Amino acid sequence: MPDVLVRDVSKKTVEALKRRAKRQNRSLQQEVKTILERTAEGDLAERLAPLRRLRDRIRARRPDQSDSALMIREERER
């Protein structure tokens, strides 16, 4: 299996990754590998899917509710 070397990672980032790895009962190497694999596989879209479904359900219940992002975009375009 090929190796990947990432240089110049900030101390703050490395410490955050170490804490995250500890919470997941993984080594730092295992945690970074897991993050890279999930990101490369599009795991973000899968994790966001339930949130999008929730948003759609909320919108269906409250159709009178406006989208604040649209309001902000309109305000910026002025």
Protein backbone atom coordinates (compact mmCIF):
# COMPACT_ATOMS: atom_id res chain seq x y z
CA MET A 1 0.00 0.00 0.00
CA PRO A 2 1.40 3.44 -0.88
CA ASP A 3 2.36 5.95 1.81
CA VAL A 4 1.39 9.59 2.07
CA LEU A 5 3.52 12.17 3.85
CA VAL A 6 2.02 15.49 4.94
CA ARG A 7 4.52 18.16 5.90
CA ASP A 8 4.18 21.36 7.88
CA VAL A 9 1.04 20.44 9.81
CA SER A 10 0.55 22.90 12.65
CA LYS A 11 1.07 21.77 16.21
CA LYS A 12 -2.52 22.81 16.97
CA THR A 13 -3.85 20.56 14.21
CA VAL A 14 -1.75 17.60 15.31
CA GLU A 15 -2.95 17.99 18.90
CA ALA A 16 -6.57 18.18 17.75
CA LEU A 17 -6.09 15.02 15.69
CA LYS A 18 -4.52 13.26 18.66
CA ARG A 19 -7.49 14.17 20.86
CA ARG A 20 -9.90 12.98 18.20
CA ALA A 21 -7.97 9.72 17.79
CA LYS A 22 -8.04 9.14 21.54
CA ARG A 23 -11.82 9.65 21.65
CA GLN A 24 -12.17 7.05 18.90
CA ASN A 25 -9.70 4.64 20.56
CA ARG A 26 -7.39 4.85 17.56
CA SER A 27 -3.78 5.73 17.00
CA LEU A 28 -3.03 9.05 15.33
CA GLN A 29 -2.09 7.19 12.15
CA GLN A 30 -5.33 5.21 12.17
CA GLU A 31 -7.39 8.35 12.75
CA VAL A 32 -5.74 10.30 9.93
CA LYS A 33 -6.13 7.32 7.61
CA THR A 34 -9.82 7.02 8.51
CA ILE A 35 -10.40 10.73 7.90
CA LEU A 36 -8.65 10.58 4.52
CA GLU A 37 -10.52 7.48 3.41
CA ARG A 38 -13.92 8.82 4.44
CA THR A 39 -13.26 12.14 2.77
CA ALA A 40 -12.08 10.49 -0.43
CA GLU A 41 -15.16 8.26 -0.48
CA GLY A 42 -17.58 11.14 -0.13
CA ASP A 43 -18.52 10.32 3.45
CA LEU A 44 -19.54 13.93 4.02
CA ALA A 45 -22.50 13.63 1.66
CA GLU A 46 -23.63 10.51 3.49
CA ARG A 47 -23.40 12.22 6.87
CA LEU A 48 -25.28 15.26 5.62
CA ALA A 49 -28.14 13.24 4.11
CA PRO A 50 -30.08 12.83 7.42
CA LEU A 51 -29.72 16.55 8.10
CA ARG A 52 -31.06 17.39 4.67
CA ARG A 53 -34.03 15.08 5.22
CA LEU A 54 -34.69 16.78 8.56
CA ARG A 55 -34.50 20.19 6.90
CA ASP A 56 -36.98 19.06 4.25
CA ARG A 57 -39.40 17.76 6.91
CA ILE A 58 -39.19 21.03 8.81
CA ARG A 59 -39.80 23.02 5.64
CA ALA A 60 -42.81 20.84 4.83
CA ARG A 61 -44.33 21.52 8.26
CA ARG A 62 -43.57 25.25 8.20
CA PRO A 63 -43.89 26.42 4.58
CA ASP A 64 -44.32 30.00 5.79
CA GLN A 65 -40.83 29.95 7.29
CA SER A 66 -38.38 31.90 5.13
CA ASP A 67 -34.86 30.81 4.28
CA SER A 68 -32.46 33.16 6.06
CA ALA A 69 -29.69 32.35 3.57
CA LEU A 70 -31.84 33.75 0.77
CA MET A 71 -32.55 36.87 2.80
CA ILE A 72 -28.84 37.40 3.49
CA ARG A 73 -27.96 36.83 -0.18
CA GLU A 74 -30.56 39.37 -1.27
CA GLU A 75 -29.24 41.88 1.24
CA ARG A 76 -25.67 41.43 0.01
CA GLU A 77 -26.72 41.97 -3.60
CA ARG A 78 -28.11 45.43 -2.81
